[in-house]
Every structure is written in C-alpha cells, then in structure tokens.
Protein backbone atom coordinates (compact mmCIF):
# COMPACT_ATOMS: atom_id res chain seq x y z
CA MET A 1 -16.00 27.29 -2.56
CA THR A 2 -14.09 29.58 -0.17
CA GLU A 3 -10.80 28.40 0.96
CA TYR A 4 -9.36 29.62 4.01
CA GLN A 5 -5.59 28.74 4.26
CA ILE A 6 -3.31 27.23 7.46
CA ARG A 7 -0.11 26.97 8.06
CA ASN A 8 1.14 23.65 6.84
CA ARG A 9 4.73 21.77 6.79
CA PHE A 10 4.02 20.82 3.25
CA ILE A 11 5.60 23.00 0.50
CA PRO A 12 3.02 23.12 -2.19
CA PHE A 13 5.57 24.04 -5.22
CA ARG A 14 7.29 20.98 -7.47
CA LYS A 15 10.88 20.97 -6.85
CA ALA A 16 11.71 21.85 -10.22
CA ASP A 17 9.82 25.07 -9.72
CA ILE A 18 11.50 25.83 -6.34
CA VAL A 19 15.01 25.63 -8.05
CA GLU A 20 13.62 28.09 -10.80
CA MET A 21 12.05 30.41 -7.90
CA CYS A 22 15.61 30.75 -6.23
CA ILE A 23 17.24 31.63 -9.50
CA ASN A 24 14.42 33.91 -10.51
CA ASP A 25 15.01 35.63 -7.25
CA SER A 26 18.15 37.55 -8.91
CA ARG A 27 20.59 37.39 -6.10
CA LEU A 28 22.88 34.97 -7.86
CA SER A 29 25.28 35.72 -10.49
CA LYS A 30 25.12 34.19 -14.01
CA HIS A 31 28.05 32.04 -13.35
CA ASP A 32 26.59 31.18 -9.90
CA GLN A 33 23.38 30.31 -11.10
CA ASN A 34 24.93 27.75 -13.69
CA LEU A 35 27.07 26.22 -10.60
CA PHE A 36 23.58 26.21 -8.29
CA ARG A 37 21.79 24.22 -10.90
CA GLN A 38 24.36 21.37 -11.02
CA PHE A 39 24.44 21.65 -7.31
CA CYS A 40 20.82 20.86 -7.25
CA HIS A 41 21.15 18.18 -9.85
CA ILE A 42 23.69 16.22 -7.51
CA LEU A 43 21.84 16.97 -4.51
CA GLY A 44 18.58 15.55 -6.04
CA SER A 45 20.73 12.44 -7.36
CA LEU A 46 21.85 11.79 -3.88
CA ILE A 47 18.57 12.02 -2.25
CA HIS A 48 16.89 9.73 -4.72
CA PHE A 49 19.29 6.76 -4.18
CA GLU A 50 18.47 7.27 -0.12
CA PHE A 51 15.08 7.00 -0.71
CA HIS A 52 15.07 3.95 -3.23
CA HIS A 53 16.69 2.13 -0.56
CA GLN A 54 13.65 3.26 1.43
CA VAL A 55 11.07 2.07 -0.70
CA GLU A 56 12.53 -1.48 -1.10
CA MET A 57 12.65 -2.23 2.26
CA LEU A 58 9.02 -1.36 2.57
CA LYS A 59 8.36 -3.67 -0.28
CA ASP A 60 10.06 -6.51 1.83
CA CYS A 61 8.48 -5.82 4.98
CA TYR A 62 4.74 -5.47 3.22
CA LEU A 63 5.53 -8.91 1.10
CA PRO A 64 3.84 -11.34 3.76
CA PHE A 65 0.71 -9.14 3.94
CA ASN A 66 0.01 -7.98 0.42
CA PRO A 67 -3.06 -8.87 -0.69
CA ASP A 68 -2.40 -7.83 -4.29
CA ALA A 69 0.82 -9.91 -4.55
CA ASP A 70 1.02 -11.77 -7.94
CA THR A 71 4.29 -13.32 -7.20
CA ARG A 72 4.86 -16.62 -5.12
CA LEU A 73 6.13 -16.62 -1.23
CA ASN A 74 9.36 -18.95 -1.57
CA TYR A 75 9.84 -18.84 2.34
CA ASP A 76 6.86 -19.78 5.09
CA TYR A 77 7.16 -17.03 7.50
CA SER A 78 6.37 -17.91 11.40
CA GLU A 79 4.10 -15.70 13.22
CA GLN A 80 7.02 -14.26 15.14
CA GLU A 81 8.79 -12.70 11.99
CA LYS A 82 5.68 -11.67 10.95
CA ASN A 83 5.10 -9.62 13.83
CA ALA A 84 8.79 -8.09 13.64
CA LEU A 85 7.95 -7.34 9.62
CA GLN A 86 4.80 -5.48 10.87
CA LYS A 87 6.25 -3.88 13.27
CA LYS A 88 9.25 -2.75 11.38
CA LEU A 89 6.82 -1.83 8.39
CA VAL A 90 4.97 0.55 10.60
CA ASN A 91 8.07 2.45 11.71
CA SER A 92 9.77 2.65 8.36
CA LEU A 93 6.15 3.89 6.61
CA THR A 94 5.82 6.41 9.61
CA ALA A 95 9.29 7.84 8.76
CA ILE A 96 8.39 8.22 5.25
CA LEU A 97 5.28 9.73 6.02
CA ASN A 98 7.21 12.43 8.41
CA ALA A 99 9.69 12.94 5.63
CA ALA A 100 6.64 13.61 3.48
CA ASN A 101 5.33 16.16 5.78
CA PHE A 102 2.28 14.28 6.58
CA GLN A 103 0.69 14.71 10.03
CA LYS A 104 -0.79 11.64 12.13
CA ILE A 105 -4.56 11.74 12.81
CA THR A 106 -4.54 10.84 16.36
CA GLU A 107 -7.87 9.06 17.98
CA ALA A 108 -9.06 11.85 19.52
CA ASP A 109 -8.96 13.46 16.08
CA LEU A 110 -10.93 10.21 14.51
CA GLU A 111 -13.51 10.53 17.19
CA GLU A 112 -14.01 14.31 16.79
CA ALA A 113 -14.20 13.68 13.02
CA LEU A 114 -16.62 10.87 13.14
CA LYS A 115 -18.99 13.01 15.60
CA GLU A 116 -18.81 16.46 13.26
CA GLU A 117 -21.99 16.99 10.68
CA SER A 118 -20.67 15.20 7.53
CA LEU A 119 -20.50 17.17 4.28
CA PHE A 120 -21.24 13.82 2.34
CA LYS A 121 -24.79 13.29 2.77
CA ILE A 122 -24.66 9.55 3.61
CA ARG A 123 -24.90 8.10 7.26
CA LEU A 124 -22.44 5.31 7.37
CA ARG A 125 -21.67 2.67 10.15
CA VAL A 126 -17.79 1.43 10.69
CA ASP A 127 -17.05 -1.67 13.11
CA PHE A 128 -13.75 -0.81 14.32
CA LYS A 129 -13.67 -4.39 16.10
CA ASP A 130 -12.59 -5.89 12.64
CA PHE A 131 -9.30 -3.99 12.81
CA GLU A 132 -6.21 -5.12 14.30
CA GLU A 133 -4.77 -1.72 13.78
CA VAL A 134 -5.58 1.75 12.22
CA ILE A 135 -3.28 4.62 11.65
CA PHE A 136 -4.39 7.72 9.71
CA TYR A 137 -1.81 10.46 8.16
CA GLN A 138 -3.16 13.82 6.56
CA ARG A 139 -1.30 16.26 4.82
CA GLY A 140 -2.82 19.92 3.41
CA GLU A 141 -4.89 20.81 5.94
CA SER A 142 -7.57 23.94 5.04
CA LEU A 143 -10.42 25.37 5.96
CA LYS A 144 -13.32 25.38 3.12
CA GLU A 145 -16.94 26.75 3.06
CA GLU A 146 -19.49 25.43 0.64
CA THR A 147 -23.11 26.43 0.82
CA LEU A 148 -25.42 23.61 1.45
CA VAL A 149 -29.21 23.35 0.01
CA LYS A 150 -31.61 22.32 2.50
CA TYR A 151 -35.28 21.54 2.35
CA PHE A 152 -35.88 20.81 -1.29
CA GLY A 153 -33.65 24.12 -2.44
CA LEU A 154 -35.66 26.16 -0.12
CA LYS A 155 -33.22 27.26 2.70
CA LYS A 156 -29.39 27.70 1.71
CA GLU A 157 -26.70 28.33 4.27
CA PRO A 158 -22.90 28.60 4.51
CA PHE A 159 -21.05 25.30 5.86
CA ARG A 160 -17.47 25.65 6.84
CA PHE A 161 -15.34 22.48 7.11
CA THR A 162 -12.00 21.26 7.70
CA ASN A 163 -10.52 19.39 4.67
CA TYR A 164 -7.02 17.10 3.99
CA ASP A 165 -5.59 17.16 0.59
CA ARG A 166 -4.07 13.92 0.97
CA VAL A 167 -5.02 11.13 3.74
CA MET A 168 -3.34 8.07 4.00
CA ILE A 169 -4.59 5.10 5.42
CA TYR A 170 -3.17 1.89 7.19
CA ILE A 171 -5.50 -0.95 8.24
CA LYS A 172 -4.48 -4.39 9.38
CA PHE A 173 -7.31 -6.74 9.81
CA LYS A 174 -8.00 -9.48 12.28
CA GLU A 175 -7.51 -13.48 11.57
CA GLU A 176 -9.67 -15.66 10.09
CA ASP A 177 -10.81 -17.13 13.30
CA TYR A 178 -12.42 -13.75 14.37
CA PHE A 179 -14.73 -13.47 11.55
CA LYS A 180 -15.48 -17.32 11.55
CA ALA A 181 -16.67 -16.64 15.14
CA LYS A 182 -18.50 -13.33 13.81
CA LYS A 183 -20.22 -15.87 11.46
CA GLN A 184 -19.53 -13.06 8.65
CA LYS A 185 -19.53 -15.22 5.26
CA THR A 186 -19.16 -12.62 2.72
CA LEU A 187 -15.77 -10.48 3.06
CA TYR A 188 -14.32 -8.60 0.57
CA PHE A 189 -11.15 -8.50 1.78
CA THR A 190 -8.44 -11.26 3.13
CA PRO A 191 -8.21 -11.73 6.93
CA GLY A 192 -4.71 -11.19 8.20
CA SER A 193 -4.04 -8.77 5.60
CA THR A 194 -2.75 -5.13 5.59
CA ILE A 195 -4.21 -2.72 3.10
CA ILE A 196 -2.66 0.95 2.81
CA LYS A 197 -4.61 3.49 0.82
CA LEU A 198 -4.00 7.07 -0.13
CA PHE A 199 -6.95 9.45 -0.85
CA GLN A 200 -7.24 12.98 -1.70
CA ASN A 201 -9.56 16.06 -1.08
CA VAL A 202 -11.26 14.33 2.11
CA PRO A 203 -13.55 16.39 4.70
CA LYS A 204 -12.29 15.80 7.86
CA ALA A 205 -15.88 14.87 8.64
CA ASP A 206 -16.10 12.20 5.95
CA LEU A 207 -12.88 10.28 7.49
CA GLU A 208 -15.52 7.12 8.08
CA MET A 209 -16.28 6.52 4.34
CA LEU A 210 -12.57 5.61 3.82
CA PHE A 211 -12.91 2.69 5.75
CA PRO A 212 -13.19 -0.71 3.84
CA ASN A 213 -16.29 -1.85 5.83
CA SER A 214 -18.06 1.38 6.19
CA GLU A 215 -21.66 0.36 5.67
CA VAL A 216 -24.35 2.63 4.24
CA ARG A 217 -27.26 3.53 6.79
CA MET A 218 -30.44 5.51 6.22
CA LYS A 219 -30.63 8.95 7.54
CA THR A 220 -33.79 9.80 10.06
CA VAL A 221 -34.79 12.29 7.27
CA ASP A 222 -34.65 9.54 4.36
CA LYS A 223 -36.29 7.24 6.58
CA LEU A 224 -39.09 9.80 7.19
CA ILE A 225 -39.25 10.69 3.41
CA ILE A 226 -40.21 6.89 2.72
CA GLY A 227 -41.72 5.90 5.75
CA ILE A 228 -44.42 8.76 6.13
CA PRO A 229 -46.02 8.60 2.42
CA ALA A 230 -45.51 4.62 3.24
CA ALA A 231 -47.84 4.81 5.85
CA VAL A 232 -50.52 7.08 4.86
CA SER A 233 -50.74 4.82 1.77
CA GLY A 234 -50.83 1.75 3.64
CA ILE A 235 -53.72 3.01 5.64
CA VAL A 236 -55.74 3.99 2.64
CA VAL A 237 -55.03 0.34 0.98
CA ILE A 238 -56.23 -1.52 4.07
CA ALA A 239 -59.04 0.65 4.59
CA THR A 240 -60.25 0.74 0.51
CA LYS A 241 -59.16 -2.74 -0.43
CA LEU A 242 -59.50 -4.70 3.02
CA GLY A 243 -61.96 -2.75 5.52
CA ALA A 244 -64.85 -4.65 4.24
CA SER A 245 -62.77 -8.53 4.55
CA ILE A 246 -61.58 -7.25 7.93
CA LEU A 247 -65.15 -6.54 9.22
CA LEU A 248 -66.24 -9.69 8.17
CA ILE A 249 -63.33 -11.62 9.71
CA ALA A 250 -63.82 -9.54 12.88
CA SER A 251 -67.70 -10.87 12.99
CA VAL A 252 -66.66 -14.62 12.37
CA ILE A 253 -64.23 -14.53 15.34
CA SER A 254 -66.67 -12.55 17.59
CA PHE A 255 -69.32 -15.26 16.93
CA TRP A 256 -66.83 -18.21 17.70
CA LEU A 257 -65.85 -16.44 20.77
CA GLY A 258 -69.40 -16.57 21.82
CA LEU A 259 -69.27 -12.59 22.18
CA THR A 260 -72.41 -12.17 19.67
CA LYS A 261 -75.21 -14.53 18.92
CA ARG A 262 -75.61 -13.80 15.20
CA GLU A 263 -73.84 -16.19 12.70
CA VAL A 264 -72.18 -14.73 10.19
CA LYS A 265 -71.52 -16.82 6.93
CA ILE A 266 -68.61 -16.39 4.53
CA GLU A 267 -69.52 -16.86 0.84
CA GLN A 268 -67.58 -17.27 -2.22
CA GLN A 269 -67.48 -13.61 -3.16
CA HIS A 270 -66.21 -13.09 0.28
CA LEU A 271 -63.29 -15.23 -0.13
CA ILE A 272 -62.51 -13.57 -3.53
CA GLY A 273 -62.50 -10.18 -1.94
CA LEU A 274 -59.94 -11.04 0.96
CA ALA A 275 -57.52 -12.67 -1.68
CA LEU A 276 -57.59 -9.45 -3.81
CA GLY A 277 -57.25 -7.32 -0.71
CA LEU A 278 -54.45 -9.33 0.66
CA ALA A 279 -52.79 -9.22 -3.19
CA THR A 280 -53.08 -5.31 -3.02
CA LEU A 281 -51.68 -5.18 0.24
CA GLY A 282 -48.61 -7.26 -0.58
CA GLY A 283 -47.66 -5.61 -3.65
CA PHE A 284 -47.92 -2.08 -1.85
CA LEU A 285 -45.45 -3.69 0.79
CA PHE A 286 -43.52 -5.38 -2.01
CA LYS A 287 -43.10 -1.75 -3.77
CA GLN A 288 -42.23 -0.11 -0.47
CA VAL A 289 -39.29 -2.49 0.28
CA ASN A 290 -38.01 -2.04 -3.27
CA LYS A 291 -38.24 1.85 -2.59
CA PHE A 292 -36.27 1.64 0.30
CA LYS A 293 -33.67 -0.80 -1.41
CA ASN A 294 -33.26 1.67 -4.36
CA ARG A 295 -32.54 4.72 -2.41
CA LYS A 296 -29.99 2.46 -0.31
CA ILE A 297 -28.58 1.53 -3.54
CA LYS A 298 -28.66 5.16 -4.72
CA PHE A 299 -26.54 6.27 -1.62
CA MET A 300 -24.14 3.39 -2.16
CA LYS A 301 -23.54 4.33 -5.52
CA ALA A 302 -22.94 7.98 -4.44
CA LEU A 303 -20.20 6.55 -2.07
CA SER A 304 -18.43 4.37 -4.50
CA ASP A 305 -18.52 7.22 -7.24
CA ASN A 306 -17.13 9.62 -4.54
CA LEU A 307 -14.39 7.43 -3.55
CA TYR A 308 -13.62 6.50 -7.13
CA PHE A 309 -12.56 10.36 -7.81
CA LYS A 310 -10.96 10.62 -4.17
CA ASN A 311 -8.55 7.69 -4.39
CA LEU A 312 -5.06 8.02 -5.57
CA ASP A 313 -3.28 4.57 -4.57
CA ASN A 314 -3.31 1.23 -3.11
CA ASN A 315 -0.82 -0.77 -1.10
CA ILE A 316 2.47 -1.25 -2.48
CA GLY A 317 1.76 1.98 -4.83
CA VAL A 318 1.33 3.89 -1.94
CA PHE A 319 4.90 3.42 -1.15
CA HIS A 320 6.12 4.72 -4.54
CA HIS A 321 3.72 7.76 -4.10
CA LEU A 322 4.85 8.56 -0.44
CA VAL A 323 8.63 8.14 -1.26
CA ASP A 324 8.32 10.25 -4.20
CA THR A 325 6.65 12.80 -2.26
CA ALA A 326 9.17 12.58 0.64
CA GLU A 327 12.20 12.98 -1.61
CA GLU A 328 10.78 16.14 -3.13
CA GLU A 329 10.40 17.59 0.35
CA GLU A 330 13.72 16.36 1.58
CA PHE A 331 14.94 18.18 -1.66
CA LYS A 332 13.00 21.60 -1.54
CA GLU A 333 13.73 21.85 2.46
CA ALA A 334 17.73 21.46 1.95
CA ILE A 335 17.72 23.74 -1.21
CA LEU A 336 15.61 26.24 0.36
CA ALA A 337 17.54 26.30 3.38
CA TYR A 338 21.47 26.47 1.62
CA TYR A 339 20.32 28.99 -0.89
CA PHE A 340 19.33 31.69 1.70
CA LEU A 341 22.56 30.98 3.56
CA LEU A 342 24.19 31.72 0.39
CA VAL A 343 22.66 35.15 -0.71
CA GLU A 344 21.98 36.53 2.60
CA ASP A 345 24.64 39.47 3.37
CA ARG A 346 24.32 38.92 6.91
CA ASP A 347 25.05 35.97 9.37
CA LEU A 348 21.76 33.96 10.40
CA THR A 349 20.73 32.11 13.25
CA ILE A 350 18.47 28.67 12.82
CA THR A 351 15.50 30.52 13.96
CA GLU A 352 16.54 33.66 11.61
CA LEU A 353 16.63 31.26 8.72
CA ASP A 354 13.38 29.87 9.34
CA GLU A 355 11.71 33.02 9.59
CA THR A 356 13.54 34.35 6.50
CA ILE A 357 12.45 31.57 4.37
CA GLU A 358 8.71 31.61 5.69
CA ARG A 359 8.66 35.57 4.91
CA TRP A 360 9.85 34.96 1.39
CA PHE A 361 7.38 32.52 0.80
CA GLU A 362 4.76 34.75 2.21
CA SER A 363 5.66 38.12 0.71
CA LYS A 364 6.63 36.64 -2.81
CA HIS A 365 4.43 33.87 -3.57
CA ASN A 366 1.42 34.46 -1.66
CA CYS A 367 2.24 31.30 0.48
CA ARG A 368 2.05 30.65 4.34
CA ILE A 369 4.12 27.73 5.27
CA ASN A 370 5.48 26.12 8.75
CA PHE A 371 9.00 25.63 7.38
CA GLU A 372 10.61 22.46 8.73
CA ILE A 373 14.21 24.16 9.50
CA GLU A 374 15.30 21.81 11.94
CA ASP A 375 14.80 18.66 9.50
CA ALA A 376 16.44 21.08 6.72
CA PHE A 377 19.58 22.20 9.00
CA LYS A 378 20.12 18.18 10.29
CA LYS A 379 20.25 17.20 6.15
CA LEU A 380 22.90 19.95 5.33
CA LYS A 381 24.84 19.24 8.36
CA ARG A 382 24.72 15.31 7.69
CA TRP A 383 26.31 16.21 4.18
CA ARG A 384 28.88 18.41 6.16
CA LEU A 385 27.43 21.53 3.95
CA VAL A 386 26.88 23.56 6.99
CA ASN A 387 28.16 23.79 10.73
CA LEU A 388 27.07 26.01 13.99
CA ASP A 389 29.81 28.37 15.06
CA ARG A 390 28.65 30.02 18.24
CA ASN A 391 24.73 29.67 17.11
CA ILE A 392 25.79 31.11 13.82
CA ILE A 393 25.36 28.88 11.03
CA CYS A 394 28.61 28.28 8.59
CA ARG A 395 27.99 27.18 5.34
CA LYS A 396 30.44 26.01 2.01
CA ASN A 397 30.43 28.06 -0.91
CA LEU A 398 29.13 26.67 -4.14
CA ASN A 399 32.51 25.46 -5.19
CA GLY A 400 32.96 23.89 -1.55
CA ALA A 401 29.53 22.29 -1.69
CA MET A 402 29.84 20.96 -5.36
CA GLN A 403 33.00 19.23 -4.33
CA GLN A 404 31.61 17.71 -0.81
CA LEU A 405 28.36 16.35 -2.94
CA ASP A 406 30.80 14.69 -5.38
CA GLU A 407 32.70 12.97 -2.62
CA ILE A 408 29.77 11.62 -1.05
CA TRP A 409 28.11 10.25 -4.58
CA ASP A 410 31.98 8.55 -5.22
CA ASN A 411 31.85 7.03 -1.84
CA TYR A 412 28.31 5.60 -2.33
CA PHE A 413 29.86 3.01 -4.67
CA PRO A 414 33.12 1.92 -3.48
CA TYR A 415 35.06 -0.78 -5.66
CA HIS A 416 37.51 -2.92 -4.16
CA LYS A 417 40.00 -4.84 -6.08
CA ALA A 418 40.36 -8.54 -5.54
CA ASP A 419 43.71 -7.84 -3.88
CA GLN A 420 42.02 -5.38 -1.25
CA LEU A 421 38.99 -7.17 -0.65
CA PRO A 422 38.85 -8.46 3.04
CA LYS A 423 39.80 -12.03 3.66
CA MET A 424 36.94 -14.51 4.40
CA SER A 425 37.34 -16.24 7.97
C-alpha cells in the first residue's frame, strides 16, 4: 500500500517522545535539560488535572443516555433536563475533540463519501431516519493507494482513496414511538439512547459501515453471479423434468376451453411424473434461495470481521480515550511552542514561531504537520508564561516558568482554616 502524507493538525508522536526530541536537539545545556524535564513534568500534571474535570463532566452528562450503564439512576430526569444534558454533552464532547485535533466531517463530506466507490466490496443501506442526531469527527487524513483485483484476477488496477486514522461517531436514536409506528420489532439498540464509538483506519468511502443500522445489500454483479446460472439451470430443469407434464396440462386446459376436440386423459403415471417434476423444481428453488442467503451471510461476516478490528472504543470508554488524546495534544503543543521560544536566538512573532516548528518537523523528522500555534500561544499566555510586546513574543526563562507553574499548582488546592472559612448566611 502506498501512502501520501497530508498536513494534519495532529502531532504523530507521543508526548514523552516530543520531550526527548527537544532535548536531543542539543540546544539546551545539561543543567537546562534537567530543568526542562522538570518543567515538562509539572506542566503535564497541570494539564492532566484540568482534563480530569472534563471527563467527569462528560460522564455526568451522558448518564441518562448510556445504554451500557450497570449502575442505578437515583433521579428521574425530566425531558427538559435530558435535552439540556444532551446539548451540554455535545458541546463538551466537541471541545474535547477540537483539543484532540479532530476535524468535523460535515454533512456535505458524508454525502460525498457515500457516493464514492467503496473499497470494502459490500453494498450497504443506511436508514438515516432512525437517527435524531448524527455527528462525525475524523483525525489523521491521508491519501492511500491499493491495487484492486477485478474480473476473477484477470485485471488489476490502482485505486487511490482517502483514509482516516481515527473516526468518532455520535448517534442519538429516535424515541420508541417512532420505531413502533415503523413496526420494527427487532431492534439491536435502545430507542432514545445515545451511542458513541471510536474507530481506526477507516476509508472515507466506507463510512456507512460504521452506522449501527447498516444493512447488507447485494451488488448488481453479485446478483448476476447468482441469477444468470440460476435462470439457465431453472430453464433446463423445467424443460427436462416438467416439459412433458406441462404439455399434457396445456392439452387438458385446451380441451376444457373448447380450443381442441381431442380429449386428453391423465393417467396415474402422468401424475407421478408431474409430482416428481414439481419436487425437483422445488428442490432447485430451495437451493438457489439458500445460495443467495449464504452469499449474504458471507458478506455480513466480512462486515463484522472488518468492524471487529477497526473498533477502538465504545460509549464512556470513548470519553477516556479522547480526553487522554486531548491531554497529549495540549501538552505537545505547549511544550513545542515554549521550547522553541527558549532556544531560538532571535525574537519571534507568532507566525515565525509557527513556521519554525513546522519546518523543524519536516526537516528533522520527515513529518508534515499544520501546527496549531494559536492554541499553543493561548495556553502559554493563560499560564502567564508568555506575553506579546508589539507583536514579539516574550517568554519567562526556565526558572521563572517553573516558579509560575508551581504557584498555579499550589493554588489548585487552596486550604482554608476553620476561622478563615466564609460565614454561611
């Protein structure tokens, strides 16, 4: 498989690797290398603490909609409260996805994907009316090329497609009344529930296979593979096993209708032949129906096998996965921005810092990224590690930065003595 790299916001290195890559850049003294490691440690702790609150909030918002919950609800939520929680869940989840450098797959993107030729050789049907809300996000877009084998191996041709390293899907099902009106008895999901799933290595043209209500449909070529031999065999069976019986029955009907004066008598051997012919035809039809079902089952198994290896996480597990990823991305962006402000021997603007980091990745690590400089600068500014002076970024030195982060950490857990606590009214 050939892969063509596209600039993505995602930084494809672990945060521990980013720290080592900066230190191995050999622009820090031994003393500053130790300080820089300590700086990275306390910064990572600050970011982890902030995101711990985020995952707890997501779990609280998701509580009334979680189809996998194994704990009891000790409170009955009103519809108004559920709607408010659903809205807060979507907003919070969207913020986490943006922090994790995911990008939204718009409705236009999805429609385009559903029209593209599928790499996964199955035709699927999705009833979008079953859903109240659908949200798609992806990360790690790349162009890949594979060789497709067609016409039973007689023809091979290259096929280029867009692939997503990660895909998150959020689906809110309609309520039970909708499915009752639809007279759909067998449901593999809970009406009114919300499911959240995370997948890996998904071709853009195969996004429909991620929907929980996708149904396998036979492609035209598969119908022809079964249908043409079945039609030919059926004609042969009718001609050889039922030909004489059909002629006899036609003659009897003609006599009854007065179309012919010659009386035709049906003997016992004629009835036995007709019965045997019908039994043969019935067996043939049964065999063809089973052949169709078996081919459909084969496709469904291929679909489930494919999804088994693409599925990364479900529901609440997705929150932990995404928050961990967002935490890593926030850390990597902040560390890279601060490191290059620390080691560059010239004053930098925000644009120059962005270009410096992107150029470093491309020249030193053969990696093309679209660095999120605005996010990185906002984080460093929020922690009061940098400020702007006439478009030039000014930063604290390592000692000053360590003291600043230590002060922020201490103030996360303020302790008040009993006589200092505010009086209750």
